[in-house]
Amino acid sequence: MNICILSGRIAKNATTRGSEPKTLSFILETRYGVNGDEKKERVSYVPCVLFNPTPEVETLLTTEGEGQFVEFEGRVSGSNPDPNTGRRFNTEVIVRNRTLTFTEAPALSR
């Protein structure tokens, strides 16, 4: 199975592409401790894609998305490099639309 659960802040407002299907692309900033030590926190930026968003979610993510804390379930999608076209390997998370939740960020214990 290919399932991932992510939570974090949206790094910048989402961008819209296409119309059928409409997609939203955004970058999720995730943070994690190293070897259980939250003082040595690391940051990762995860590219995400949401297909056929509701009008409310589209408006929120494209106008006020930056800094919003979200949680969702998705699947990892990778593309293989193509030496003929020069396309490079790319990995992104495809968000399951019904699992996208806007929430308050958890307090960090330090």
Protein backbone atom coordinates (compact mmCIF):
# COMPACT_ATOMS: atom_id res chain seq x y z
CA MET A 1 0.00 0.00 0.00
CA ASN A 2 1.07 3.55 -0.67
CA ILE A 3 -0.34 5.75 2.10
CA CYS A 4 1.23 8.70 3.87
CA ILE A 5 -0.15 11.03 6.52
CA LEU A 6 1.34 14.52 6.67
CA SER A 7 0.88 17.59 8.77
CA GLY A 8 2.54 20.95 8.55
CA ARG A 9 2.26 24.52 7.35
CA ILE A 10 1.70 25.54 3.76
CA ALA A 11 4.88 27.34 2.65
CA LYS A 12 3.16 29.67 0.15
CA ASN A 13 -0.23 30.09 -1.50
CA ALA A 14 -1.30 27.26 -3.80
CA THR A 15 -1.34 27.61 -7.57
CA THR A 16 -4.18 26.37 -9.78
CA ARG A 17 -3.63 24.41 -12.99
CA GLY A 18 -6.00 23.10 -15.62
CA SER A 19 -9.76 22.84 -15.57
CA GLU A 20 -10.60 19.18 -16.14
CA PRO A 21 -9.31 17.97 -13.78
CA LYS A 22 -8.48 21.13 -11.87
CA THR A 23 -5.41 20.79 -9.66
CA LEU A 24 -3.94 22.79 -6.81
CA SER A 25 -0.21 22.60 -6.20
CA PHE A 26 1.39 23.66 -2.94
CA ILE A 27 4.46 23.04 -0.81
CA LEU A 28 4.04 21.67 2.72
CA GLU A 29 6.67 22.55 5.31
CA THR A 30 7.10 19.70 7.78
CA ARG A 31 9.27 19.64 10.88
CA TYR A 32 10.74 16.69 12.73
CA GLY A 33 13.23 16.02 15.51
CA VAL A 34 16.49 14.19 14.94
CA ASN A 35 16.82 10.99 16.98
CA GLY A 36 13.89 12.11 19.14
CA ASP A 37 15.57 15.43 20.00
CA GLU A 38 13.20 18.27 19.07
CA LYS A 39 15.94 20.82 19.78
CA LYS A 40 17.73 19.53 16.67
CA GLU A 41 14.67 20.09 14.54
CA ARG A 42 14.87 19.65 10.77
CA VAL A 43 12.57 21.05 8.10
CA SER A 44 11.43 19.33 4.91
CA TYR A 45 9.49 20.82 2.02
CA VAL A 46 7.06 18.40 0.39
CA PRO A 47 5.41 19.18 -2.97
CA CYS A 48 1.69 18.30 -2.89
CA VAL A 49 -1.10 18.13 -5.47
CA LEU A 50 -4.85 18.23 -4.80
CA PHE A 51 -7.20 17.20 -7.62
CA ASN A 52 -10.68 18.70 -8.05
CA PRO A 53 -10.73 20.89 -4.92
CA THR A 54 -14.00 22.29 -3.66
CA PRO A 55 -14.45 26.01 -4.44
CA GLU A 56 -14.03 26.86 -0.75
CA VAL A 57 -10.73 24.96 -0.43
CA GLU A 58 -9.46 26.40 -3.72
CA THR A 59 -10.18 29.97 -2.57
CA LEU A 60 -8.63 29.42 0.85
CA LEU A 61 -5.43 27.77 -0.42
CA THR A 62 -4.83 30.22 -3.28
CA THR A 63 -5.51 33.42 -1.31
CA GLU A 64 -4.80 32.63 2.36
CA GLY A 65 -2.92 29.33 2.17
CA GLU A 66 0.50 30.52 3.29
CA GLY A 67 1.00 29.65 6.95
CA GLN A 68 -2.16 27.51 7.27
CA PHE A 69 -1.60 24.34 9.31
CA VAL A 70 -3.06 21.31 7.53
CA GLU A 71 -3.24 17.56 8.00
CA PHE A 72 -4.10 15.06 5.29
CA GLU A 73 -3.70 11.59 3.91
CA GLY A 74 -2.25 10.97 0.50
CA ARG A 75 -0.03 8.79 -1.61
CA VAL A 76 3.49 9.30 -2.87
CA SER A 77 3.76 9.63 -6.64
CA GLY A 78 7.05 9.53 -8.50
CA SER A 79 7.96 10.06 -12.14
CA ASN A 80 10.92 8.45 -13.81
CA PRO A 81 13.57 10.47 -15.64
CA ASP A 82 13.39 10.50 -19.42
CA PRO A 83 16.80 11.01 -21.06
CA ASN A 84 15.16 11.82 -24.41
CA THR A 85 13.19 14.82 -23.10
CA GLY A 86 15.56 15.82 -20.29
CA ARG A 87 12.79 15.32 -17.73
CA ARG A 88 14.14 14.69 -14.25
CA PHE A 89 12.87 12.47 -11.48
CA ASN A 90 10.09 14.14 -9.49
CA THR A 91 8.25 13.07 -6.34
CA GLU A 92 5.08 14.60 -4.92
CA VAL A 93 2.22 13.68 -2.61
CA ILE A 94 -1.25 13.31 -4.13
CA VAL A 95 -3.71 14.52 -1.46
CA ARG A 96 -6.92 12.61 -0.82
CA ASN A 97 -9.40 15.49 -1.02
CA ARG A 98 -11.75 14.28 1.70
CA THR A 99 -8.94 13.99 4.26
CA LEU A 100 -7.68 17.61 4.06
CA THR A 101 -8.18 19.22 7.48
CA PHE A 102 -7.32 22.74 8.60
CA THR A 103 -6.36 22.81 12.25
CA GLU A 104 -4.37 24.68 14.88
CA ALA A 105 -0.69 23.83 15.00
CA PRO A 106 0.26 21.67 17.99
CA ALA A 107 2.31 23.34 20.71
CA LEU A 108 5.98 22.40 20.68
CA SER A 109 7.44 21.14 23.94
CA ARG A 110 10.87 22.62 24.56
